[in-house]
Protein backbone atom coordinates (compact mmCIF):
# COMPACT_ATOMS: atom_id res chain seq x y z
CA UNK A 1 -42.10 -34.96 -22.01
CA UNK A 2 -45.31 -34.02 -23.81
CA UNK A 3 -45.66 -35.40 -27.33
CA UNK A 4 -48.67 -35.74 -29.58
CA UNK A 5 -48.69 -37.86 -32.68
CA UNK A 6 -51.14 -37.28 -35.52
CA UNK A 7 -51.34 -39.36 -38.70
CA UNK A 8 -48.52 -37.35 -40.32
CA UNK A 9 -46.96 -35.24 -37.58
CA UNK A 10 -45.19 -35.33 -34.26
CA UNK A 11 -45.81 -32.39 -31.94
CA UNK A 12 -43.03 -32.29 -29.38
CA UNK A 13 -40.84 -30.11 -27.20
CA UNK A 14 -37.89 -28.34 -28.77
CA UNK A 15 -34.49 -29.95 -29.46
CA UNK A 16 -31.19 -28.17 -29.91
CA UNK A 17 -31.03 -29.16 -33.58
CA UNK A 18 -34.37 -27.39 -34.24
CA UNK A 19 -32.74 -23.95 -34.04
CA UNK A 20 -31.34 -23.78 -37.58
CA UNK A 21 -34.45 -25.00 -39.43
CA UNK A 22 -36.73 -22.79 -37.32
CA UNK A 23 -34.43 -19.82 -37.91
CA UNK A 24 -34.68 -20.48 -41.66
CA UNK A 25 -38.48 -20.42 -41.38
CA UNK A 26 -38.38 -17.19 -39.34
CA UNK A 27 -35.98 -15.59 -41.87
CA UNK A 28 -38.51 -15.95 -44.71
CA UNK A 29 -40.31 -12.63 -45.31
CA UNK A 30 -43.36 -14.40 -46.75
CA UNK A 31 -43.69 -16.56 -43.63
CA UNK A 32 -43.34 -13.53 -41.36
CA UNK A 33 -45.60 -11.27 -43.44
CA UNK A 34 -48.52 -11.46 -40.98
CA UNK A 35 -46.45 -11.64 -37.74
CA UNK A 36 -46.20 -8.39 -35.75
CA UNK A 37 -44.66 -5.78 -38.09
CA UNK A 38 -43.53 -8.39 -40.62
CA UNK A 39 -39.87 -8.28 -39.65
CA UNK A 40 -37.96 -11.53 -40.00
CA UNK A 41 -36.10 -13.10 -37.10
CA UNK A 42 -32.45 -14.08 -37.23
CA UNK A 43 -30.91 -17.07 -35.48
CA UNK A 44 -30.46 -15.17 -32.20
CA UNK A 45 -34.07 -13.97 -32.25
CA UNK A 46 -35.26 -17.50 -32.98
CA UNK A 47 -33.15 -18.89 -30.12
CA UNK A 48 -34.71 -16.32 -27.77
CA UNK A 49 -38.21 -17.26 -28.96
CA UNK A 50 -37.59 -20.97 -28.42
CA UNK A 51 -36.26 -20.20 -24.94
CA UNK A 52 -39.44 -18.24 -24.11
CA UNK A 53 -41.61 -21.08 -25.48
CA UNK A 54 -39.79 -23.63 -23.36
CA UNK A 55 -40.09 -21.44 -20.25
CA UNK A 56 -43.84 -21.20 -20.85
CA UNK A 57 -44.04 -25.00 -20.85
CA UNK A 58 -42.40 -25.01 -17.42
CA UNK A 59 -44.53 -22.16 -16.03
CA UNK A 60 -47.94 -22.89 -17.58
CA UNK A 61 -47.94 -26.62 -18.37
CA UNK A 62 -48.52 -25.86 -22.04
CA UNK A 63 -46.59 -24.15 -24.78
CA UNK A 64 -45.45 -24.09 -28.37
CA UNK A 65 -44.76 -27.48 -29.93
CA UNK A 66 -42.15 -28.13 -32.57
CA UNK A 67 -43.95 -29.77 -35.52
CA UNK A 68 -42.00 -32.61 -37.13
CA UNK A 69 -43.00 -34.63 -40.17
CA UNK A 70 -43.19 -38.29 -39.22
CA UNK A 71 -42.20 -39.47 -42.70
CA UNK A 72 -38.96 -37.49 -42.95
CA UNK A 73 -38.14 -36.12 -39.49
CA UNK A 74 -38.06 -32.58 -40.94
CA UNK A 75 -39.05 -29.65 -38.76
CA UNK A 76 -42.06 -28.06 -40.48
CA UNK A 77 -42.48 -25.25 -37.94
CA UNK A 78 -44.58 -24.89 -34.81
CA UNK A 79 -48.04 -24.96 -33.37
CA UNK A 80 -49.23 -24.64 -29.82
CA UNK A 81 -50.47 -22.57 -26.97
CA UNK A 82 -49.27 -19.38 -25.34
CA UNK A 83 -50.50 -16.57 -23.16
CA UNK A 84 -50.83 -13.50 -25.43
CA UNK A 85 -49.03 -11.02 -23.17
CA UNK A 86 -48.61 -8.68 -26.16
CA UNK A 87 -52.40 -8.11 -26.04
CA UNK A 88 -53.10 -7.19 -22.41
CA UNK A 89 -56.72 -6.35 -23.22
CA UNK A 90 -57.36 -10.03 -24.01
CA UNK A 91 -55.97 -11.39 -20.74
CA UNK A 92 -56.61 -13.73 -19.14
CA UNK A 93 -56.51 -15.89 -22.26
CA UNK A 94 -54.69 -18.71 -23.99
CA UNK A 95 -53.93 -18.36 -27.68
CA UNK A 96 -53.36 -21.11 -30.22
CA UNK A 97 -51.01 -20.31 -33.06
CA UNK A 98 -48.93 -21.90 -35.81
CA UNK A 99 -46.13 -21.05 -38.20
CA UNK A 100 -44.90 -23.39 -40.91
CA UNK A 101 -42.19 -23.02 -43.52
CA UNK A 102 -43.36 -22.41 -47.08
CA UNK A 103 -42.53 -25.94 -48.32
CA UNK A 104 -45.17 -27.22 -45.87
CA UNK A 105 -48.00 -24.87 -46.87
CA UNK A 106 -51.16 -26.07 -48.59
CA UNK A 107 -50.92 -29.67 -47.42
CA UNK A 108 -53.17 -29.54 -44.37
CA UNK A 109 -50.31 -29.71 -41.87
CA UNK A 110 -51.28 -26.49 -40.06
CA UNK A 111 -54.87 -27.69 -39.57
CA UNK A 112 -53.76 -31.16 -38.48
CA UNK A 113 -51.24 -29.82 -35.98
CA UNK A 114 -53.51 -27.07 -34.66
CA UNK A 115 -56.42 -29.50 -34.17
CA UNK A 116 -54.16 -31.75 -32.07
CA UNK A 117 -52.93 -28.75 -30.04
CA UNK A 118 -56.50 -27.51 -29.51
CA UNK A 119 -57.62 -30.94 -28.35
CA UNK A 120 -54.64 -30.98 -25.97
CA UNK A 121 -55.68 -27.55 -24.62
CA UNK A 122 -59.33 -28.34 -24.07
CA UNK A 123 -59.17 -32.01 -23.06
CA UNK A 124 -55.73 -32.59 -21.52
CA UNK A 125 -55.06 -29.18 -19.97
CA UNK A 126 -58.66 -28.45 -18.99
CA UNK A 127 -58.86 -25.05 -20.62
CA UNK A 128 -62.44 -24.01 -21.27
CA UNK A 129 -61.73 -21.38 -23.94
CA UNK A 130 -58.97 -20.78 -26.48
CA UNK A 131 -58.49 -17.79 -28.78
CA UNK A 132 -56.55 -17.31 -31.99
CA UNK A 133 -55.48 -13.97 -33.39
CA UNK A 134 -55.01 -12.96 -37.00
CA UNK A 135 -54.54 -9.85 -39.06
CA UNK A 136 -57.32 -9.10 -41.54
CA UNK A 137 -56.31 -10.50 -44.91
CA UNK A 138 -54.45 -13.52 -43.53
CA UNK A 139 -56.90 -15.91 -45.19
CA UNK A 140 -54.71 -19.01 -44.75
CA UNK A 141 -54.69 -18.68 -40.95
CA UNK A 142 -58.35 -17.73 -40.80
CA UNK A 143 -59.16 -20.86 -42.84
CA UNK A 144 -57.36 -22.96 -40.23
CA UNK A 145 -59.35 -21.21 -37.49
CA UNK A 146 -62.62 -22.02 -39.26
CA UNK A 147 -61.56 -25.67 -39.63
CA UNK A 148 -60.97 -25.74 -35.88
CA UNK A 149 -64.52 -24.50 -35.30
CA UNK A 150 -63.37 -21.08 -34.11
CA UNK A 151 -65.53 -18.05 -34.80
CA UNK A 152 -64.70 -14.38 -35.00
CA UNK A 153 -65.33 -13.00 -31.51
CA UNK A 154 -64.25 -9.38 -31.97
CA UNK A 155 -61.71 -7.04 -33.52
CA UNK A 156 -59.09 -5.13 -31.57
CA UNK A 157 -55.92 -3.20 -32.38
CA UNK A 158 -52.32 -4.27 -31.94
CA UNK A 159 -51.13 -2.18 -28.98
CA UNK A 160 -47.68 -1.58 -30.46
CA UNK A 161 -48.30 -1.33 -34.22
CA UNK A 162 -51.90 -0.11 -34.30
CA UNK A 163 -53.19 -2.37 -37.05
CA UNK A 164 -56.46 -4.28 -36.55
CA UNK A 165 -56.49 -7.84 -35.23
CA UNK A 166 -59.26 -10.40 -35.44
CA UNK A 167 -59.77 -12.41 -32.26
CA UNK A 168 -61.34 -15.80 -32.90
CA UNK A 169 -62.51 -18.06 -30.08
CA UNK A 170 -63.79 -21.50 -29.28
CA UNK A 171 -64.88 -22.98 -25.98
CA UNK A 172 -65.06 -26.55 -24.79
CA UNK A 173 -68.76 -26.83 -25.52
CA UNK A 174 -68.15 -26.01 -29.21
CA UNK A 175 -65.13 -28.27 -29.80
CA UNK A 176 -65.45 -31.50 -31.75
CA UNK A 177 -62.53 -33.87 -31.22
């Protein structure tokens, strides 16, 4: 089982008891504001997402980590790696992403978790390039991308919803562990 520990977080595979807290995060309209069309996910949709994330671990050797606070054991959300199949024009690619519940915003958890996941991608999984995708205006996520050393590579459009997307990238030669 793949686990990564940071000073404050445990990045790990998903447990059955993660479904309810992750569903609560996905049900928050403010959390989901920048995701796809902004629609929230219910418990069934969250269960399907976790199933897809776990399948990607089995198929690709990487995936989306559950992010747990070491101090309390609370599920803060997720970070990790996925193949962005929803953006066929970017393939082949591996995307890093994150989603945390509102109580965990503004404390550096997203940057801490994403840095660990990016290091895992580039050093442990041997990927030479990782992208991250954001909608213009999502300053919080773009700040995390800058902290990771990612730079805006280009802008594209969401194939289903038509709105613009910023594609940020970093390669192994630019990463500082």
